[in-house]
Amino acid sequence: MKSRLHTLRPIFLVAALIGALIAPASVSAVTVKQVALTFDDGDSELHIRQAVAIAVATQTPITFFPTGKSLRRFPNLWKAIGDAGIPIANHTVNHPNLNDRYALKGSANVRAELQGFINIARSNNIPVVPYWRPPGGAWNANVMRVAKSLGLTLSLWTNTFADTAPMCKNRTIVAYNKATAGTGAKVVVLGHVNPYTAQTVKLLAAVIANYDARGYEFVTIPEMVKGTPNNIDWAKAALAVSAPAISPTGARVPTSVPTPIDHTNTKYTFAQANGITCRSALPTQPFSQLNDVPFGIHRVAVVHVAIRGDGACVVYATTELCNRRTRRIN
């Protein structure tokens, strides 16, 4: 699916130029509406690949804000993405709350998180752009001073896929509505490419179609903030989709676009999009007494127990018992 906006862009530019030449001086220029689709963290290799696959299929610019930990885990994949011209920006090394870090450990620790990301990228020859996004959107004047000293420009967001919400209760239609609620001249949509955010990549094509139909131009963060033209090489980006994750000599990983979900379905949940079944359960003991209690006893401290398709238990923004241990996944 090639974006209609990109297909017609040359015609629009010619028409705009002619209009500017013949229009009366009192008529102001029409503002081009822009939307930047951005993806944070990068804990899921599959969802990173799928986001790029959709971008390639629709020739829609996107921007990534992975952590340094993700760069370490998938260095060759990120290098291939960056080499294709898709911007990769700074989301710290370990994803801490930078306000808390500054308060507890001072500016040196904040610098270590941001400079550490740059160092990891440099050591793996991963091209990065000088923009940063604080985890959780948490920053203050002290943190900003550190970031500016490293030459980094702040990039936040206006809308999200709401993909950090509990998966058993939340519906994909809500994620779609929130992601497409942008109406301003500059919209930045935040999603995540983590293990339990399949709904985000499965909704992405529909979100692109929504903004395209409303006349938005798709841009990268550098393009939106400073007018830096994107130089995405779509042929290289197509190859990046299947690039070996760790070593350039590793096996390629063929990856297709994910099967889209019906964004109008009012009952489909995040859990269903991730292949998880939610079962209701009532707590019988305080959580403090539940460590290392066998899961088979069914003494759980949550309203929903999420069971993955392979039988493994997972937790999303809550806590449950599984394999004799409590686990937390955010």
C-alpha atoms as a PDB file:
ATOM      1  CA  MET A   1       0.000   0.000   0.000  1.00  0.00           C
ATOM      2  CA  LYS A   2       1.723   3.130  -1.139  1.00  0.00           C
ATOM      3  CA  SER A   3       0.681   6.328   0.542  1.00  0.00           C
ATOM      4  CA  ARG A   4      -1.563   8.400  -1.706  1.00  0.00           C
ATOM      5  CA  LEU A   5       0.017  11.536  -0.261  1.00  0.00           C
ATOM      6  CA  HIS A   6       3.483  10.497  -1.359  1.00  0.00           C
ATOM      7  CA  THR A   7       2.264   9.492  -4.827  1.00  0.00           C
ATOM      8  CA  LEU A   8       0.653  12.865  -5.467  1.00  0.00           C
ATOM      9  CA  ARG A   9       3.253  15.036  -3.738  1.00  0.00           C
ATOM     10  CA  PRO A  10       4.987  16.258  -6.959  1.00  0.00           C
ATOM     11  CA  ILE A  11       1.629  17.376  -8.400  1.00  0.00           C
ATOM     12  CA  PHE A  12       0.760  19.180  -5.171  1.00  0.00           C
ATOM     13  CA  LEU A  13       4.116  20.977  -5.133  1.00  0.00           C
ATOM     14  CA  VAL A  14       3.706  22.246  -8.696  1.00  0.00           C
ATOM     15  CA  ALA A  15       0.156  23.395  -7.992  1.00  0.00           C
ATOM     16  CA  ALA A  16       1.273  25.138  -4.799  1.00  0.00           C
ATOM     17  CA  LEU A  17       4.045  26.973  -6.662  1.00  0.00           C
ATOM     18  CA  ILE A  18       1.692  28.206  -9.393  1.00  0.00           C
ATOM     19  CA  GLY A  19      -0.849  29.251  -6.758  1.00  0.00           C
ATOM     20  CA  ALA A  20       1.781  31.210  -4.860  1.00  0.00           C
ATOM     21  CA  LEU A  21       2.778  33.098  -7.995  1.00  0.00           C
ATOM     22  CA  ILE A  22      -0.741  34.180  -8.994  1.00  0.00           C
ATOM     23  CA  ALA A  23      -2.412  34.578  -5.588  1.00  0.00           C
ATOM     24  CA  PRO A  24      -3.071  38.063  -4.186  1.00  0.00           C
ATOM     25  CA  ALA A  25      -0.545  39.256  -1.639  1.00  0.00           C
ATOM     26  CA  SER A  26      -3.242  39.354   1.047  1.00  0.00           C
ATOM     27  CA  VAL A  27      -3.829  35.592   0.875  1.00  0.00           C
ATOM     28  CA  SER A  28      -1.646  33.785   3.420  1.00  0.00           C
ATOM     29  CA  ALA A  29       0.125  30.529   2.553  1.00  0.00           C
ATOM     30  CA  VAL A  30      -1.590  27.288   3.482  1.00  0.00           C
ATOM     31  CA  THR A  31       0.157  25.526   6.376  1.00  0.00           C
ATOM     32  CA  VAL A  32       1.142  21.932   5.635  1.00  0.00           C
ATOM     33  CA  LYS A  33       0.017  19.613   8.417  1.00  0.00           C
ATOM     34  CA  GLN A  34       2.715  17.188   9.526  1.00  0.00           C
ATOM     35  CA  VAL A  35       2.654  13.952  11.518  1.00  0.00           C
ATOM     36  CA  ALA A  36       5.668  12.056  12.856  1.00  0.00           C
ATOM     37  CA  LEU A  37       5.203   8.419  13.829  1.00  0.00           C
ATOM     38  CA  THR A  38       7.675   7.453  16.563  1.00  0.00           C
ATOM     39  CA  PHE A  39       8.509   4.225  18.379  1.00  0.00           C
ATOM     40  CA  ASP A  40      10.244   3.871  21.734  1.00  0.00           C
ATOM     41  CA  ASP A  41      12.272   1.295  23.673  1.00  0.00           C
ATOM     42  CA  GLY A  42      12.909  -1.573  21.212  1.00  0.00           C
ATOM     43  CA  ASP A  43      12.661  -4.610  23.483  1.00  0.00           C
ATOM     44  CA  SER A  44      10.993  -6.693  20.750  1.00  0.00           C
ATOM     45  CA  GLU A  45      13.054  -7.594  17.709  1.00  0.00           C
ATOM     46  CA  LEU A  46       9.903  -8.765  15.904  1.00  0.00           C
ATOM     47  CA  HIS A  47       7.979  -5.544  16.439  1.00  0.00           C
ATOM     48  CA  ILE A  48      10.964  -3.418  15.412  1.00  0.00           C
ATOM     49  CA  ARG A  49      11.101  -5.348  12.147  1.00  0.00           C
ATOM     50  CA  GLN A  50       7.345  -5.147  11.616  1.00  0.00           C
ATOM     51  CA  ALA A  51       7.288  -1.383  12.157  1.00  0.00           C
ATOM     52  CA  VAL A  52       9.981  -0.990   9.501  1.00  0.00           C
ATOM     53  CA  ALA A  53       8.154  -3.418   7.184  1.00  0.00           C
ATOM     54  CA  ILE A  54       4.987  -1.295   7.343  1.00  0.00           C
ATOM     55  CA  ALA A  55       6.993   1.897   6.824  1.00  0.00           C
ATOM     56  CA  VAL A  56       8.547   0.351   3.717  1.00  0.00           C
ATOM     57  CA  ALA A  57       5.247  -0.989   2.384  1.00  0.00           C
ATOM     58  CA  THR A  58       3.610   2.437   2.690  1.00  0.00           C
ATOM     59  CA  GLN A  59       6.810   4.475   2.194  1.00  0.00           C
ATOM     60  CA  THR A  60       5.987   6.331   5.392  1.00  0.00           C
ATOM     61  CA  PRO A  61       8.871   7.957   7.318  1.00  0.00           C
ATOM     62  CA  ILE A  62       9.182   6.882  10.953  1.00  0.00           C
ATOM     63  CA  THR A  63      11.564   7.676  13.816  1.00  0.00           C
ATOM     64  CA  PHE A  64      12.860   5.330  16.518  1.00  0.00           C
ATOM     65  CA  PHE A  65      13.832   6.168  20.117  1.00  0.00           C
ATOM     66  CA  PRO A  66      15.393   2.896  21.324  1.00  0.00           C
ATOM     67  CA  THR A  67      17.279   2.404  24.560  1.00  0.00           C
ATOM     68  CA  GLY A  68      20.971   1.707  24.656  1.00  0.00           C
ATOM     69  CA  LYS A  69      20.090  -1.769  25.921  1.00  0.00           C
ATOM     70  CA  SER A  70      18.234  -2.407  22.684  1.00  0.00           C
ATOM     71  CA  LEU A  71      21.190  -1.167  20.641  1.00  0.00           C
ATOM     72  CA  ARG A  72      23.356  -3.690  22.500  1.00  0.00           C
ATOM     73  CA  ARG A  73      20.907  -6.550  21.939  1.00  0.00           C
ATOM     74  CA  PHE A  74      20.308  -5.939  18.228  1.00  0.00           C
ATOM     75  CA  PRO A  75      23.342  -3.953  17.009  1.00  0.00           C
ATOM     76  CA  ASN A  76      23.335  -5.073  13.398  1.00  0.00           C
ATOM     77  CA  LEU A  77      19.577  -4.625  13.014  1.00  0.00           C
ATOM     78  CA  TRP A  78      19.793  -1.045  14.303  1.00  0.00           C
ATOM     79  CA  LYS A  79      22.809  -0.354  12.105  1.00  0.00           C
ATOM     80  CA  ALA A  80      20.876  -1.517   9.037  1.00  0.00           C
ATOM     81  CA  ILE A  81      17.905   0.674  10.017  1.00  0.00           C
ATOM     82  CA  GLY A  82      20.114   3.710  10.593  1.00  0.00           C
ATOM     83  CA  ASP A  83      22.106   3.098   7.405  1.00  0.00           C
ATOM     84  CA  ALA A  84      18.810   3.181   5.498  1.00  0.00           C
ATOM     85  CA  GLY A  85      18.253   6.732   6.744  1.00  0.00           C
ATOM     86  CA  ILE A  86      15.520   5.993   9.292  1.00  0.00           C
ATOM     87  CA  PRO A  87      16.342   8.275  12.252  1.00  0.00           C
ATOM     88  CA  ILE A  88      17.425   6.639  15.499  1.00  0.00           C
ATOM     89  CA  ALA A  89      17.343   8.976  18.510  1.00  0.00           C
ATOM     90  CA  ASN A  90      18.369   8.835  22.168  1.00  0.00           C
ATOM     91  CA  HIS A  91      16.106   7.215  24.804  1.00  0.00           C
ATOM     92  CA  THR A  92      18.872   6.710  27.422  1.00  0.00           C
ATOM     93  CA  VAL A  93      20.713   3.456  28.097  1.00  0.00           C
ATOM     94  CA  ASN A  94      18.537   1.903  30.826  1.00  0.00           C
ATOM     95  CA  HIS A  95      15.216   3.809  30.620  1.00  0.00           C
ATOM     96  CA  PRO A  96      15.315   5.451  34.089  1.00  0.00           C
ATOM     97  CA  ASN A  97      13.272   8.384  35.330  1.00  0.00           C
ATOM     98  CA  LEU A  98      15.826  11.135  34.732  1.00  0.00           C
ATOM     99  CA  ASN A  99      14.313  13.510  37.270  1.00  0.00           C
ATOM    100  CA  ASP A 100      14.759  10.869  39.971  1.00  0.00           C
ATOM    101  CA  ARG A 101      18.254  10.079  38.755  1.00  0.00           C
ATOM    102  CA  TYR A 102      19.268  13.724  38.942  1.00  0.00           C
ATOM    103  CA  ALA A 103      17.781  14.116  42.424  1.00  0.00           C
ATOM    104  CA  LEU A 104      19.476  10.980  43.762  1.00  0.00           C
ATOM    105  CA  LYS A 105      22.755  10.857  41.883  1.00  0.00           C
ATOM    106  CA  GLY A 106      23.264  14.242  40.235  1.00  0.00           C
ATOM    107  CA  SER A 107      24.033  15.413  36.737  1.00  0.00           C
ATOM    108  CA  ALA A 108      26.838  12.891  36.176  1.00  0.00           C
ATOM    109  CA  ASN A 109      24.373  10.006  36.246  1.00  0.00           C
ATOM    110  CA  VAL A 110      21.983  11.709  33.828  1.00  0.00           C
ATOM    111  CA  ARG A 111      24.930  12.412  31.547  1.00  0.00           C
ATOM    112  CA  ALA A 112      26.006   8.766  31.787  1.00  0.00           C
ATOM    113  CA  GLU A 113      22.566   7.656  30.554  1.00  0.00           C
ATOM    114  CA  LEU A 114      22.493  10.019  27.563  1.00  0.00           C
ATOM    115  CA  GLN A 115      26.194   9.896  26.676  1.00  0.00           C
ATOM    116  CA  GLY A 116      26.144   6.148  27.246  1.00  0.00           C
ATOM    117  CA  PHE A 117      23.556   5.767  24.486  1.00  0.00           C
ATOM    118  CA  ILE A 118      25.764   7.793  22.143  1.00  0.00           C
ATOM    119  CA  ASN A 119      28.805   5.680  23.056  1.00  0.00           C
ATOM    120  CA  ILE A 120      26.973   2.402  22.411  1.00  0.00           C
ATOM    121  CA  ALA A 121      25.786   3.650  19.034  1.00  0.00           C
ATOM    122  CA  ARG A 122      29.271   4.848  18.134  1.00  0.00           C
ATOM    123  CA  SER A 123      30.954   1.585  19.143  1.00  0.00           C
ATOM    124  CA  ASN A 124      28.533  -0.365  16.927  1.00  0.00           C
ATOM    125  CA  ASN A 125      28.656   2.091  14.002  1.00  0.00           C
ATOM    126  CA  ILE A 126      24.942   2.811  14.372  1.00  0.00           C
ATOM    127  CA  PRO A 127      24.000   6.198  12.888  1.00  0.00           C
ATOM    128  CA  VAL A 128      22.004   8.303  15.344  1.00  0.00           C
ATOM    129  CA  VAL A 129      20.453  11.771  15.239  1.00  0.00           C
ATOM    130  CA  PRO A 130      20.946  14.386  18.016  1.00  0.00           C
ATOM    131  CA  TYR A 131      17.462  14.190  19.525  1.00  0.00           C
ATOM    132  CA  TRP A 132      16.376  12.695  22.828  1.00  0.00           C
ATOM    133  CA  ARG A 133      13.195  11.582  24.537  1.00  0.00           C
ATOM    134  CA  PRO A 134      13.153  11.191  28.329  1.00  0.00           C
ATOM    135  CA  PRO A 135      11.602   7.919  29.557  1.00  0.00           C
ATOM    136  CA  GLY A 136       8.068   8.581  30.722  1.00  0.00           C
ATOM    137  CA  GLY A 137       8.397  12.162  29.499  1.00  0.00           C
ATOM    138  CA  ALA A 138      10.105  13.023  32.805  1.00  0.00           C
ATOM    139  CA  TRP A 139      12.497  15.957  32.575  1.00  0.00           C
ATOM    140  CA  ASN A 140      13.179  19.249  34.317  1.00  0.00           C
ATOM    141  CA  ALA A 141      15.504  22.217  33.891  1.00  0.00           C
ATOM    142  CA  ASN A 142      18.437  20.335  35.444  1.00  0.00           C
ATOM    143  CA  VAL A 143      18.031  17.364  33.130  1.00  0.00           C
ATOM    144  CA  MET A 144      17.573  19.683  30.153  1.00  0.00           C
ATOM    145  CA  ARG A 145      20.869  21.410  30.879  1.00  0.00           C
ATOM    146  CA  VAL A 146      22.680  18.082  30.718  1.00  0.00           C
ATOM    147  CA  ALA A 147      20.969  17.126  27.459  1.00  0.00           C
ATOM    148  CA  LYS A 148      21.751  20.484  25.860  1.00  0.00           C
ATOM    149  CA  SER A 149      25.385  20.189  26.875  1.00  0.00           C
ATOM    150  CA  LEU A 150      25.490  17.018  24.762  1.00  0.00           C
ATOM    151  CA  GLY A 151      23.921  18.803  21.795  1.00  0.00           C
ATOM    152  CA  LEU A 152      20.599  16.977  22.100  1.00  0.00           C
ATOM    153  CA  THR A 153      17.206  18.443  21.138  1.00  0.00           C
ATOM    154  CA  LEU A 154      14.148  17.383  23.136  1.00  0.00           C
ATOM    155  CA  SER A 155      11.351  15.516  21.353  1.00  0.00           C
ATOM    156  CA  LEU A 156       8.114  14.634  23.164  1.00  0.00           C
ATOM    157  CA  TRP A 157       4.728  13.663  21.720  1.00  0.00           C
ATOM    158  CA  THR A 158       1.152  14.852  21.285  1.00  0.00           C
ATOM    159  CA  ASN A 159      -0.663  11.517  20.936  1.00  0.00           C
ATOM    160  CA  THR A 160      -0.028   7.877  21.832  1.00  0.00           C
ATOM    161  CA  PHE A 161      -1.139   4.347  21.030  1.00  0.00           C
ATOM    162  CA  ALA A 162      -1.806   4.001  24.795  1.00  0.00           C
ATOM    163  CA  ASP A 163       0.112   0.726  24.552  1.00  0.00           C
ATOM    164  CA  THR A 164       1.445   0.730  28.112  1.00  0.00           C
ATOM    165  CA  ALA A 165      -2.062   0.286  29.553  1.00  0.00           C
ATOM    166  CA  PRO A 166      -3.132  -3.051  31.104  1.00  0.00           C
ATOM    167  CA  MET A 167      -3.727  -5.494  28.275  1.00  0.00           C
ATOM    168  CA  CYS A 168      -6.634  -7.474  29.697  1.00  0.00           C
ATOM    169  CA  LYS A 169      -8.968  -4.499  30.124  1.00  0.00           C
ATOM    170  CA  ASN A 170      -8.026  -2.187  27.282  1.00  0.00           C
ATOM    171  CA  ARG A 171      -9.497  -2.277  23.786  1.00  0.00           C
ATOM    172  CA  THR A 172      -7.613  -1.770  20.538  1.00  0.00           C
ATOM    173  CA  ILE A 173     -10.268   0.673  19.316  1.00  0.00           C
ATOM    174  CA  VAL A 174      -9.219   2.989  22.157  1.00  0.00           C
ATOM    175  CA  ALA A 175      -5.580   2.743  21.062  1.00  0.00           C
ATOM    176  CA  TYR A 176      -6.553   3.581  17.490  1.00  0.00           C
ATOM    177  CA  ASN A 177      -8.728   6.511  18.555  1.00  0.00           C
ATOM    178  CA  LYS A 178      -5.999   7.965  20.760  1.00  0.00           C
ATOM    179  CA  ALA A 179      -3.322   7.547  18.105  1.00  0.00           C
ATOM    180  CA  THR A 180      -5.463   9.254  15.454  1.00  0.00           C
ATOM    181  CA  ALA A 181      -6.810  12.044  17.669  1.00  0.00           C
ATOM    182  CA  GLY A 182      -4.148  14.498  16.530  1.00  0.00           C
ATOM    183  CA  THR A 183      -5.566  17.621  14.899  1.00  0.00           C
ATOM    184  CA  GLY A 184      -2.837  20.247  15.099  1.00  0.00           C
ATOM    185  CA  ALA A 185      -0.374  21.406  12.471  1.00  0.00           C
ATOM    186  CA  LYS A 186       2.339  19.216  14.020  1.00  0.00           C
ATOM    187  CA  VAL A 187       1.347  15.844  15.469  1.00  0.00           C
ATOM    188  CA  VAL A 188       3.789  13.396  17.053  1.00  0.00           C
ATOM    189  CA  VAL A 189       2.422   9.915  17.756  1.00  0.00           C
ATOM    190  CA  LEU A 190       4.179   7.699  20.315  1.00  0.00           C
ATOM    191  CA  GLY A 191       4.098   3.909  20.209  1.00  0.00           C
ATOM    192  CA  HIS A 192       6.321   1.172  21.608  1.00  0.00           C
ATOM    193  CA  VAL A 193       8.044  -1.800  19.988  1.00  0.00           C
ATOM    194  CA  ASN A 194       8.141  -4.075  23.010  1.00  0.00           C
ATOM    195  CA  PRO A 195       7.154  -7.726  23.557  1.00  0.00           C
ATOM    196  CA  TYR A 196       3.513  -7.036  24.454  1.00  0.00           C
ATOM    197  CA  THR A 197       2.700  -4.213  22.046  1.00  0.00           C
ATOM    198  CA  ALA A 198       1.614  -6.264  19.030  1.00  0.00           C
ATOM    199  CA  GLN A 199      -1.536  -4.142  18.878  1.00  0.00           C
ATOM    200  CA  THR A 200       0.573  -1.099  17.964  1.00  0.00           C
ATOM    201  CA  VAL A 201       2.163  -2.562  14.849  1.00  0.00           C
ATOM    202  CA  LYS A 202      -1.125  -4.253  13.900  1.00  0.00           C
ATOM    203  CA  LEU A 203      -2.898  -0.873  14.042  1.00  0.00           C
ATOM    204  CA  LEU A 204      -0.112   1.097  12.376  1.00  0.00           C
ATOM    205  CA  ALA A 205      -1.337   0.759   8.764  1.00  0.00           C
ATOM    206  CA  ALA A 206      -4.806   1.975   9.765  1.00  0.00           C
ATOM    207  CA  VAL A 207      -3.323   4.935  11.638  1.00  0.00           C
ATOM    208  CA  ILE A 208      -1.248   5.855   8.581  1.00  0.00           C
ATOM    209  CA  ALA A 209      -4.346   5.640   6.367  1.00  0.00           C
ATOM    210  CA  ASN A 210      -6.270   7.911   8.771  1.00  0.00           C
ATOM    211  CA  TYR A 211      -3.706  10.727   8.749  1.00  0.00           C
ATOM    212  CA  ASP A 212      -3.142  10.307   5.010  1.00  0.00           C
ATOM    213  CA  ALA A 213      -6.872  10.725   4.338  1.00  0.00           C
ATOM    214  CA  ARG A 214      -6.837  13.943   6.395  1.00  0.00           C
ATOM    215  CA  GLY A 215      -4.074  15.462   4.305  1.00  0.00           C
ATOM    216  CA  TYR A 216      -1.153  15.070   6.688  1.00  0.00           C
ATOM    217  CA  GLU A 217       2.401  14.858   5.409  1.00  0.00           C
ATOM    218  CA  PHE A 218       4.443  12.127   7.092  1.00  0.00           C
ATOM    219  CA  VAL A 219       7.817  13.325   8.358  1.00  0.00           C
ATOM    220  CA  THR A 220      10.663  12.268  10.611  1.00  0.00           C
ATOM    221  CA  ILE A 221      11.391  14.100  13.856  1.00  0.00           C
ATOM    222  CA  PRO A 222      14.427  15.965  12.390  1.00  0.00           C
ATOM    223  CA  GLU A 223      12.266  16.987   9.445  1.00  0.00           C
ATOM    224  CA  MET A 224       9.492  18.301  11.690  1.00  0.00           C
ATOM    225  CA  VAL A 225      11.702  20.096  14.200  1.00  0.00           C
ATOM    226  CA  LYS A 226      14.372  21.654  12.003  1.00  0.00           C
ATOM    227  CA  GLY A 227      13.220  21.050   8.452  1.00  0.00           C
ATOM    228  CA  THR A 228      16.008  18.548   7.839  1.00  0.00           C
ATOM    229  CA  PRO A 229      14.888  16.584   4.768  1.00  0.00           C
ATOM    230  CA  ASN A 230      14.633  12.859   5.376  1.00  0.00           C
ATOM    231  CA  ASN A 231      16.996  10.786   3.273  1.00  0.00           C
ATOM    232  CA  ILE A 232      15.408   7.385   3.745  1.00  0.00           C
ATOM    233  CA  ASP A 233      16.589   4.884   1.149  1.00  0.00           C
ATOM    234  CA  TRP A 234      13.572   2.613   0.834  1.00  0.00           C
ATOM    235  CA  ALA A 235      15.538  -0.140  -0.929  1.00  0.00           C
ATOM    236  CA  LYS A 236      17.965  -0.273   2.018  1.00  0.00           C
ATOM    237  CA  ALA A 237      15.067  -0.039   4.465  1.00  0.00           C
ATOM    238  CA  ALA A 238      13.461  -3.067   2.800  1.00  0.00           C
ATOM    239  CA  LEU A 239      16.684  -5.013   3.354  1.00  0.00           C
ATOM    240  CA  ALA A 240      16.879  -3.791   6.945  1.00  0.00           C
ATOM    241  CA  VAL A 241      13.587  -5.536   7.726  1.00  0.00           C
ATOM    242  CA  SER A 242      15.333  -8.916   7.510  1.00  0.00           C
ATOM    243  CA  ALA A 243      18.843  -7.862   8.573  1.00  0.00           C
ATOM    244  CA  PRO A 244      20.620 -10.178  11.028  1.00  0.00           C
ATOM    245  CA  ALA A 245      20.030  -8.878  14.530  1.00  0.00           C
ATOM    246  CA  ILE A 246      23.494  -9.233  16.024  1.00  0.00           C
ATOM    247  CA  SER A 247      26.200  -9.923  13.465  1.00  0.00           C
ATOM    248  CA  PRO A 248      26.259  -8.945   9.790  1.00  0.00           C
ATOM    249  CA  THR A 249      27.289 -12.537   9.026  1.00  0.00           C
ATOM    250  CA  GLY A 250      24.279 -13.986  10.833  1.00  0.00           C
ATOM    251  CA  ALA A 251      21.204 -15.449   9.194  1.00  0.00           C
ATOM    252  CA  ARG A 252      18.653 -13.051   7.742  1.00  0.00           C
ATOM    253  CA  VAL A 253      15.227 -12.964   9.388  1.00  0.00           C
ATOM    254  CA  PRO A 254      12.491 -12.675   6.735  1.00  0.00           C
ATOM    255  CA  THR A 255       9.643 -10.639   8.257  1.00  0.00           C
ATOM    256  CA  SER A 256       6.373  -9.606   6.654  1.00  0.00           C
ATOM    257  CA  VAL A 257       3.943  -6.920   7.714  1.00  0.00           C
ATOM    258  CA  PRO A 258       1.701  -8.094  10.554  1.00  0.00           C
ATOM    259  CA  THR A 259      -1.889  -9.074   9.883  1.00  0.00           C
ATOM    260  CA  PRO A 260      -3.886  -5.914  10.651  1.00  0.00           C
ATOM    261  CA  ILE A 261      -6.645  -5.951  13.236  1.00  0.00           C
ATOM    262  CA  ASP A 262     -10.058  -4.385  12.808  1.00  0.00           C
ATOM    263  CA  HIS A 263      -9.636  -0.961  14.369  1.00  0.00           C
ATOM    264  CA  THR A 264     -13.420  -0.545  14.559  1.00  0.00           C
ATOM    265  CA  ASN A 265     -13.956  -3.623  16.752  1.00  0.00           C
ATOM    266  CA  THR A 266     -15.194  -2.334  20.120  1.00  0.00           C
ATOM    267  CA  LYS A 267     -14.475  -5.551  22.034  1.00  0.00           C
ATOM    268  CA  TYR A 268     -11.038  -6.657  20.814  1.00  0.00           C
ATOM    269  CA  THR A 269      -8.449  -6.302  23.596  1.00  0.00           C
ATOM    270  CA  PHE A 270      -4.718  -5.720  23.760  1.00  0.00           C
ATOM    271  CA  ALA A 271      -4.442  -9.253  25.165  1.00  0.00           C
ATOM    272  CA  GLN A 272      -6.145 -10.778  22.128  1.00  0.00           C
ATOM    273  CA  ALA A 273      -3.839  -8.834  19.804  1.00  0.00           C
ATOM    274  CA  ASN A 274      -0.890 -10.375  21.672  1.00  0.00           C
ATOM    275  CA  GLY A 275      -2.287 -13.918  21.688  1.00  0.00           C
ATOM    276  CA  ILE A 276      -3.046 -13.857  25.394  1.00  0.00           C
ATOM    277  CA  THR A 277      -6.109 -15.203  27.198  1.00  0.00           C
ATOM    278  CA  CYS A 278      -7.263 -13.360  30.310  1.00  0.00           C
ATOM    279  CA  ARG A 279      -8.940 -15.278  33.111  1.00  0.00           C
ATOM    280  CA  SER A 280     -10.631 -13.618  36.056  1.00  0.00           C
ATOM    281  CA  ALA A 281      -9.419 -14.557  39.519  1.00  0.00           C
ATOM    282  CA  LEU A 282     -10.036 -13.282  43.021  1.00  0.00           C
ATOM    283  CA  PRO A 283      -7.256 -12.693  45.536  1.00  0.00           C
ATOM    284  CA  THR A 284      -7.278 -14.920  48.613  1.00  0.00           C
ATOM    285  CA  GLN A 285      -4.180 -13.577  50.384  1.00  0.00           C
ATOM    286  CA  PRO A 286      -2.315 -10.284  50.633  1.00  0.00           C
ATOM    287  CA  PHE A 287       0.379  -9.993  47.969  1.00  0.00           C
ATOM    288  CA  SER A 288       3.121  -9.862  50.607  1.00  0.00           C
ATOM    289  CA  GLN A 289       2.350 -13.504  51.471  1.00  0.00           C
ATOM    290  CA  LEU A 290       2.362 -14.765  47.908  1.00  0.00           C
ATOM    291  CA  ASN A 291       6.043 -14.998  47.009  1.00  0.00           C
ATOM    292  CA  ASP A 292       7.102 -18.486  45.884  1.00  0.00           C
ATOM    293  CA  VAL A 293       3.619 -19.957  46.279  1.00  0.00           C
ATOM    294  CA  PRO A 294       2.999 -22.610  43.592  1.00  0.00           C
ATOM    295  CA  PHE A 295       0.818 -21.230  40.815  1.00  0.00           C
ATOM    296  CA  GLY A 296      -1.279 -24.400  40.878  1.00  0.00           C
ATOM    297  CA  ILE A 297      -2.774 -23.373  44.215  1.00  0.00           C
ATOM    298  CA  HIS A 298      -4.428 -20.462  42.355  1.00  0.00           C
ATOM    299  CA  ARG A 299      -3.778 -17.942  45.102  1.00  0.00           C
ATOM    300  CA  VAL A 300      -3.300 -14.824  43.014  1.00  0.00           C
ATOM    301  CA  ALA A 301      -3.320 -11.144  43.871  1.00  0.00           C
ATOM    302  CA  VAL A 302      -4.728  -9.763  40.642  1.00  0.00           C
ATOM    303  CA  VAL A 303      -8.094  -9.484  38.988  1.00  0.00           C
ATOM    304  CA  HIS A 304      -6.826 -10.809  35.653  1.00  0.00           C
ATOM    305  CA  VAL A 305      -4.344 -13.622  35.060  1.00  0.00           C
ATOM    306  CA  ALA A 306      -2.882 -13.495  31.570  1.00  0.00           C
ATOM    307  CA  ILE A 307      -1.940 -16.827  30.019  1.00  0.00           C
ATOM    308  CA  ARG A 308       0.115 -16.772  26.830  1.00  0.00           C
ATOM    309  CA  GLY A 309      -0.681 -19.140  23.977  1.00  0.00           C
ATOM    310  CA  ASP A 310       2.226 -21.434  24.908  1.00  0.00           C
ATOM    311  CA  GLY A 311       0.937 -21.767  28.464  1.00  0.00           C
ATOM    312  CA  ALA A 312       3.394 -19.354  30.047  1.00  0.00           C
ATOM    313  CA  CYS A 313       2.093 -16.723  32.443  1.00  0.00           C
ATOM    314  CA  VAL A 314       2.784 -13.060  31.820  1.00  0.00           C
ATOM    315  CA  VAL A 315       2.028  -9.887  33.712  1.00  0.00           C
ATOM    316  CA  TYR A 316       1.239  -6.471  32.330  1.00  0.00           C
ATOM    317  CA  ALA A 317       1.147  -3.483  34.693  1.00  0.00           C
ATOM    318  CA  THR A 318       0.067  -5.814  37.510  1.00  0.00           C
ATOM    319  CA  THR A 319       1.455  -8.790  39.430  1.00  0.00           C
ATOM    320  CA  GLU A 320       0.659 -12.499  39.367  1.00  0.00           C
ATOM    321  CA  LEU A 321       2.134 -15.838  40.343  1.00  0.00           C
ATOM    322  CA  CYS A 322       3.796 -17.996  37.735  1.00  0.00           C
ATOM    323  CA  ASN A 323       6.284 -20.841  37.868  1.00  0.00           C
ATOM    324  CA  ARG A 324       6.573 -20.382  41.653  1.00  0.00           C
ATOM    325  CA  ARG A 325       7.674 -16.762  41.266  1.00  0.00           C
ATOM    326  CA  THR A 326       6.113 -13.336  40.909  1.00  0.00           C
ATOM    327  CA  ARG A 327       6.991 -11.509  37.714  1.00  0.00           C
ATOM    328  CA  ARG A 328       6.466  -7.978  36.504  1.00  0.00           C
ATOM    329  CA  ILE A 329       6.475  -6.878  32.877  1.00  0.00           C
ATOM    330  CA  ASN A 330       5.915  -3.222  31.994  1.00  0.00           C
END
